[in-house]
Amino acid sequence: MDIEVLKILARDARTSPAEIAVMTGKNEDEVRHAISEMEQAGIIRSYKTVIDWEKAGVERVFAFIDVRVSPSRGVGFDDVARRVYKYPEVHSVYLVSGDYDLRVVVEGQTMKEIAFFVAEKLATLDGVLSTRSSFLLKKYKEDGEIYEEPEGDERLAVTP
């Protein structure tokens, strides 16, 4: 596994093997081979584009649903987590420490759609004891990308 190649691809998945070879001092064929092996091994899971959907004019609502779970014997929290992540509304599922066990990120077009998902699908699953919902109001940074516009230079021009 080549950590240096992974770090470069994590910053920008569009970086070509030729560019990575120059950056790392490796042979381009070595880089291609390393990437291919990491893809086959499931280390590189996918390539993504980070999109500012708000700027694109697409309305999306996200909510963080904290879920308290009664773990099953022999499978712990995994059984409930598997049932949860199969829903198309579910963006992410994490096992977390604290008062709740799972943090579920849900995506929908409206708050009402997400509320329906929580009330009718998520909260009714066997093993789910309770939920707590928080809606995302504004993104400042996600996946390393800052969503705010850079501030302009407000200094006065100096002339001779």
C-alpha atoms as a PDB file:
ATOM      1  CA  MET A   1       0.000   0.000   0.000  1.00  0.00           C
ATOM      2  CA  ASP A   2       1.342   3.407  -0.974  1.00  0.00           C
ATOM      3  CA  ILE A   3       0.198   6.022   1.583  1.00  0.00           C
ATOM      4  CA  GLU A   4       1.739   8.878  -0.405  1.00  0.00           C
ATOM      5  CA  VAL A   5      -0.362   8.016  -3.478  1.00  0.00           C
ATOM      6  CA  LEU A   6      -3.489   7.701  -1.321  1.00  0.00           C
ATOM      7  CA  LYS A   7      -2.947  11.141   0.217  1.00  0.00           C
ATOM      8  CA  ILE A   8      -2.582  12.739  -3.212  1.00  0.00           C
ATOM      9  CA  LEU A   9      -5.738  11.051  -4.526  1.00  0.00           C
ATOM     10  CA  ALA A  10      -7.664  11.979  -1.368  1.00  0.00           C
ATOM     11  CA  ARG A  11      -6.852  15.668  -1.987  1.00  0.00           C
ATOM     12  CA  ASP A  12      -7.748  15.505  -5.698  1.00  0.00           C
ATOM     13  CA  ALA A  13      -9.002  12.306  -7.329  1.00  0.00           C
ATOM     14  CA  ARG A  14      -8.393  13.835 -10.765  1.00  0.00           C
ATOM     15  CA  THR A  15      -4.616  13.748 -10.295  1.00  0.00           C
ATOM     16  CA  SER A  16      -3.263  11.572 -13.083  1.00  0.00           C
ATOM     17  CA  PRO A  17      -0.791   8.734 -12.526  1.00  0.00           C
ATOM     18  CA  ALA A  18       1.753  10.772 -14.509  1.00  0.00           C
ATOM     19  CA  GLU A  19       1.350  13.746 -12.143  1.00  0.00           C
ATOM     20  CA  ILE A  20       1.521  11.458  -9.098  1.00  0.00           C
ATOM     21  CA  ALA A  21       4.720   9.901 -10.470  1.00  0.00           C
ATOM     22  CA  VAL A  22       6.325  13.349 -10.741  1.00  0.00           C
ATOM     23  CA  MET A  23       5.148  14.314  -7.233  1.00  0.00           C
ATOM     24  CA  THR A  24       6.435  11.111  -5.636  1.00  0.00           C
ATOM     25  CA  GLY A  25       9.506  10.441  -7.757  1.00  0.00           C
ATOM     26  CA  LYS A  26       8.115   7.051  -8.782  1.00  0.00           C
ATOM     27  CA  ASN A  27       7.685   5.456 -12.173  1.00  0.00           C
ATOM     28  CA  GLU A  28       4.264   6.081 -13.794  1.00  0.00           C
ATOM     29  CA  ASP A  29       3.708   2.339 -14.310  1.00  0.00           C
ATOM     30  CA  GLU A  30       4.442   1.739 -10.605  1.00  0.00           C
ATOM     31  CA  VAL A  31       1.827   4.339  -9.683  1.00  0.00           C
ATOM     32  CA  ARG A  32      -0.782   2.827 -12.039  1.00  0.00           C
ATOM     33  CA  HIS A  33      -0.088  -0.632 -10.617  1.00  0.00           C
ATOM     34  CA  ALA A  34      -0.312   0.601  -7.010  1.00  0.00           C
ATOM     35  CA  ILE A  35      -3.639   2.360  -7.714  1.00  0.00           C
ATOM     36  CA  SER A  36      -5.040  -0.720  -9.437  1.00  0.00           C
ATOM     37  CA  GLU A  37      -4.035  -2.979  -6.536  1.00  0.00           C
ATOM     38  CA  MET A  38      -5.571  -0.610  -3.981  1.00  0.00           C
ATOM     39  CA  GLU A  39      -8.811  -0.452  -5.993  1.00  0.00           C
ATOM     40  CA  GLN A  40      -9.007  -4.260  -6.180  1.00  0.00           C
ATOM     41  CA  ALA A  41      -8.261  -4.604  -2.449  1.00  0.00           C
ATOM     42  CA  GLY A  42     -11.077  -2.155  -1.611  1.00  0.00           C
ATOM     43  CA  ILE A  43      -8.685   0.385  -0.098  1.00  0.00           C
ATOM     44  CA  ILE A  44      -9.751   2.915  -2.738  1.00  0.00           C
ATOM     45  CA  ARG A  45     -13.531   2.605  -2.459  1.00  0.00           C
ATOM     46  CA  SER A  46     -14.621   5.216  -5.029  1.00  0.00           C
ATOM     47  CA  TYR A  47     -13.761   8.541  -6.599  1.00  0.00           C
ATOM     48  CA  LYS A  48     -15.957  11.508  -5.727  1.00  0.00           C
ATOM     49  CA  THR A  49     -16.602  15.061  -6.730  1.00  0.00           C
ATOM     50  CA  VAL A  50     -17.465  17.543  -3.974  1.00  0.00           C
ATOM     51  CA  ILE A  51     -20.385  19.645  -5.248  1.00  0.00           C
ATOM     52  CA  ASP A  52     -21.861  22.779  -3.718  1.00  0.00           C
ATOM     53  CA  TRP A  53     -25.488  21.813  -4.397  1.00  0.00           C
ATOM     54  CA  GLU A  54     -26.775  25.096  -3.009  1.00  0.00           C
ATOM     55  CA  LYS A  55     -24.800  27.040  -5.634  1.00  0.00           C
ATOM     56  CA  ALA A  56     -26.099  24.632  -8.282  1.00  0.00           C
ATOM     57  CA  GLY A  57     -29.651  25.555  -7.231  1.00  0.00           C
ATOM     58  CA  VAL A  58     -30.550  22.074  -5.979  1.00  0.00           C
ATOM     59  CA  GLU A  59     -32.504  22.003  -2.726  1.00  0.00           C
ATOM     60  CA  ARG A  60     -31.355  19.283  -0.346  1.00  0.00           C
ATOM     61  CA  VAL A  61     -32.000  18.860   3.353  1.00  0.00           C
ATOM     62  CA  PHE A  62     -29.688  16.918   5.655  1.00  0.00           C
ATOM     63  CA  ALA A  63     -30.359  15.753   9.190  1.00  0.00           C
ATOM     64  CA  PHE A  64     -28.212  14.056  11.793  1.00  0.00           C
ATOM     65  CA  ILE A  65     -30.234  11.363  13.534  1.00  0.00           C
ATOM     66  CA  ASP A  66     -28.745   9.990  16.731  1.00  0.00           C
ATOM     67  CA  VAL A  67     -30.078   6.504  17.396  1.00  0.00           C
ATOM     68  CA  ARG A  68     -30.054   4.576  20.667  1.00  0.00           C
ATOM     69  CA  VAL A  69     -29.900   0.863  19.901  1.00  0.00           C
ATOM     70  CA  SER A  70     -30.345  -2.375  21.800  1.00  0.00           C
ATOM     71  CA  PRO A  71     -27.442  -4.472  20.473  1.00  0.00           C
ATOM     72  CA  SER A  72     -28.128  -8.064  19.428  1.00  0.00           C
ATOM     73  CA  ARG A  73     -26.186 -10.965  20.892  1.00  0.00           C
ATOM     74  CA  GLY A  74     -23.317 -12.011  18.627  1.00  0.00           C
ATOM     75  CA  VAL A  75     -23.614  -9.068  16.200  1.00  0.00           C
ATOM     76  CA  GLY A  76     -23.671  -6.039  18.496  1.00  0.00           C
ATOM     77  CA  PHE A  77     -24.735  -2.883  16.688  1.00  0.00           C
ATOM     78  CA  ASP A  78     -23.855  -4.200  13.218  1.00  0.00           C
ATOM     79  CA  ASP A  79     -27.244  -5.802  12.542  1.00  0.00           C
ATOM     80  CA  VAL A  80     -29.187  -2.578  13.108  1.00  0.00           C
ATOM     81  CA  ALA A  81     -26.568  -0.518  11.259  1.00  0.00           C
ATOM     82  CA  ARG A  82     -26.869  -2.821   8.198  1.00  0.00           C
ATOM     83  CA  ARG A  83     -30.645  -2.470   8.146  1.00  0.00           C
ATOM     84  CA  VAL A  84     -30.350   1.310   8.458  1.00  0.00           C
ATOM     85  CA  TYR A  85     -27.742   1.880   5.732  1.00  0.00           C
ATOM     86  CA  LYS A  86     -29.804   0.000   3.137  1.00  0.00           C
ATOM     87  CA  TYR A  87     -32.383   2.802   2.970  1.00  0.00           C
ATOM     88  CA  PRO A  88     -31.780   5.154   0.011  1.00  0.00           C
ATOM     89  CA  GLU A  89     -32.427   8.203   2.235  1.00  0.00           C
ATOM     90  CA  VAL A  90     -29.419   7.299   4.391  1.00  0.00           C
ATOM     91  CA  HIS A  91     -26.259   9.153   3.411  1.00  0.00           C
ATOM     92  CA  SER A  92     -23.957   7.828   6.180  1.00  0.00           C
ATOM     93  CA  VAL A  93     -24.040   5.650   9.310  1.00  0.00           C
ATOM     94  CA  TYR A  94     -21.459   5.802  12.103  1.00  0.00           C
ATOM     95  CA  LEU A  95     -21.043   3.908  15.373  1.00  0.00           C
ATOM     96  CA  VAL A  96     -20.298   6.600  17.971  1.00  0.00           C
ATOM     97  CA  SER A  97     -19.583   6.925  21.671  1.00  0.00           C
ATOM     98  CA  GLY A  98     -21.774   8.861  24.076  1.00  0.00           C
ATOM     99  CA  ASP A  99     -25.470   8.816  24.932  1.00  0.00           C
ATOM    100  CA  TYR A 100     -26.463   7.410  21.528  1.00  0.00           C
ATOM    101  CA  ASP A 101     -24.976   4.513  19.584  1.00  0.00           C
ATOM    102  CA  LEU A 102     -25.401   5.354  15.901  1.00  0.00           C
ATOM    103  CA  ARG A 103     -25.234   8.658  14.064  1.00  0.00           C
ATOM    104  CA  VAL A 104     -27.223   8.497  10.850  1.00  0.00           C
ATOM    105  CA  VAL A 105     -26.965  11.231   8.228  1.00  0.00           C
ATOM    106  CA  VAL A 106     -30.190  11.388   6.237  1.00  0.00           C
ATOM    107  CA  GLU A 107     -30.788  13.291   3.008  1.00  0.00           C
ATOM    108  CA  GLY A 108     -34.121  14.420   1.616  1.00  0.00           C
ATOM    109  CA  GLN A 109     -35.784  17.151  -0.387  1.00  0.00           C
ATOM    110  CA  THR A 110     -37.802  18.541   2.542  1.00  0.00           C
ATOM    111  CA  MET A 111     -37.791  18.447   6.340  1.00  0.00           C
ATOM    112  CA  LYS A 112     -41.166  16.718   6.167  1.00  0.00           C
ATOM    113  CA  GLU A 113     -39.679  13.926   4.033  1.00  0.00           C
ATOM    114  CA  ILE A 114     -36.929  13.349   6.597  1.00  0.00           C
ATOM    115  CA  ALA A 115     -39.404  13.471   9.497  1.00  0.00           C
ATOM    116  CA  PHE A 116     -41.499  10.805   7.743  1.00  0.00           C
ATOM    117  CA  PHE A 117     -38.409   8.626   7.252  1.00  0.00           C
ATOM    118  CA  VAL A 118     -37.480   8.861  10.940  1.00  0.00           C
ATOM    119  CA  ALA A 119     -41.010   8.283  12.246  1.00  0.00           C
ATOM    120  CA  GLU A 120     -42.151   5.571   9.826  1.00  0.00           C
ATOM    121  CA  LYS A 121     -38.979   3.690   8.912  1.00  0.00           C
ATOM    122  CA  LEU A 122     -36.063   4.306  11.273  1.00  0.00           C
ATOM    123  CA  ALA A 123     -37.805   4.505  14.661  1.00  0.00           C
ATOM    124  CA  THR A 124     -39.869   1.387  13.944  1.00  0.00           C
ATOM    125  CA  LEU A 125     -36.884  -0.910  13.304  1.00  0.00           C
ATOM    126  CA  ASP A 126     -36.378  -3.749  15.783  1.00  0.00           C
ATOM    127  CA  GLY A 127     -33.548  -2.819  18.119  1.00  0.00           C
ATOM    128  CA  VAL A 128     -34.067   0.956  17.818  1.00  0.00           C
ATOM    129  CA  LEU A 129     -34.908   2.351  21.253  1.00  0.00           C
ATOM    130  CA  SER A 130     -34.985   6.093  20.543  1.00  0.00           C
ATOM    131  CA  THR A 131     -33.886   8.806  18.133  1.00  0.00           C
ATOM    132  CA  ARG A 132     -32.852  12.455  18.320  1.00  0.00           C
ATOM    133  CA  SER A 133     -32.842  14.613  15.178  1.00  0.00           C
ATOM    134  CA  SER A 134     -30.861  17.722  14.285  1.00  0.00           C
ATOM    135  CA  PHE A 135     -31.204  19.426  10.916  1.00  0.00           C
ATOM    136  CA  LEU A 136     -28.208  20.837   9.060  1.00  0.00           C
ATOM    137  CA  LEU A 137     -28.659  24.595   8.708  1.00  0.00           C
ATOM    138  CA  LYS A 138     -25.478  25.615   6.880  1.00  0.00           C
ATOM    139  CA  LYS A 139     -22.279  23.960   5.652  1.00  0.00           C
ATOM    140  CA  TYR A 140     -19.022  25.721   6.343  1.00  0.00           C
ATOM    141  CA  LYS A 141     -16.620  22.905   5.490  1.00  0.00           C
ATOM    142  CA  GLU A 142     -17.089  19.346   4.235  1.00  0.00           C
ATOM    143  CA  ASP A 143     -14.573  16.730   3.096  1.00  0.00           C
ATOM    144  CA  GLY A 144     -11.825  19.334   3.486  1.00  0.00           C
ATOM    145  CA  GLU A 145     -13.579  21.843   1.206  1.00  0.00           C
ATOM    146  CA  ILE A 146     -14.504  25.269   2.577  1.00  0.00           C
ATOM    147  CA  TYR A 147     -17.915  26.445   1.359  1.00  0.00           C
ATOM    148  CA  GLU A 148     -17.557  30.146   2.133  1.00  0.00           C
ATOM    149  CA  GLU A 149     -16.310  32.517  -0.524  1.00  0.00           C
ATOM    150  CA  PRO A 150     -12.786  33.785   0.123  1.00  0.00           C
ATOM    151  CA  GLU A 151     -12.690  37.288   1.562  1.00  0.00           C
ATOM    152  CA  GLY A 152     -11.490  39.964  -0.817  1.00  0.00           C
ATOM    153  CA  ASP A 153      -8.476  42.134  -0.142  1.00  0.00           C
ATOM    154  CA  GLU A 154      -9.860  45.230   1.574  1.00  0.00           C
ATOM    155  CA  ARG A 155      -6.560  47.096   1.881  1.00  0.00           C
ATOM    156  CA  LEU A 156      -6.363  50.545   0.324  1.00  0.00           C
ATOM    157  CA  ALA A 157      -4.181  50.883  -2.728  1.00  0.00           C
ATOM    158  CA  VAL A 158      -0.992  52.793  -2.134  1.00  0.00           C
ATOM    159  CA  THR A 159       0.062  55.135  -4.921  1.00  0.00           C
ATOM    160  CA  PRO A 160       3.358  57.036  -5.286  1.00  0.00           C
END
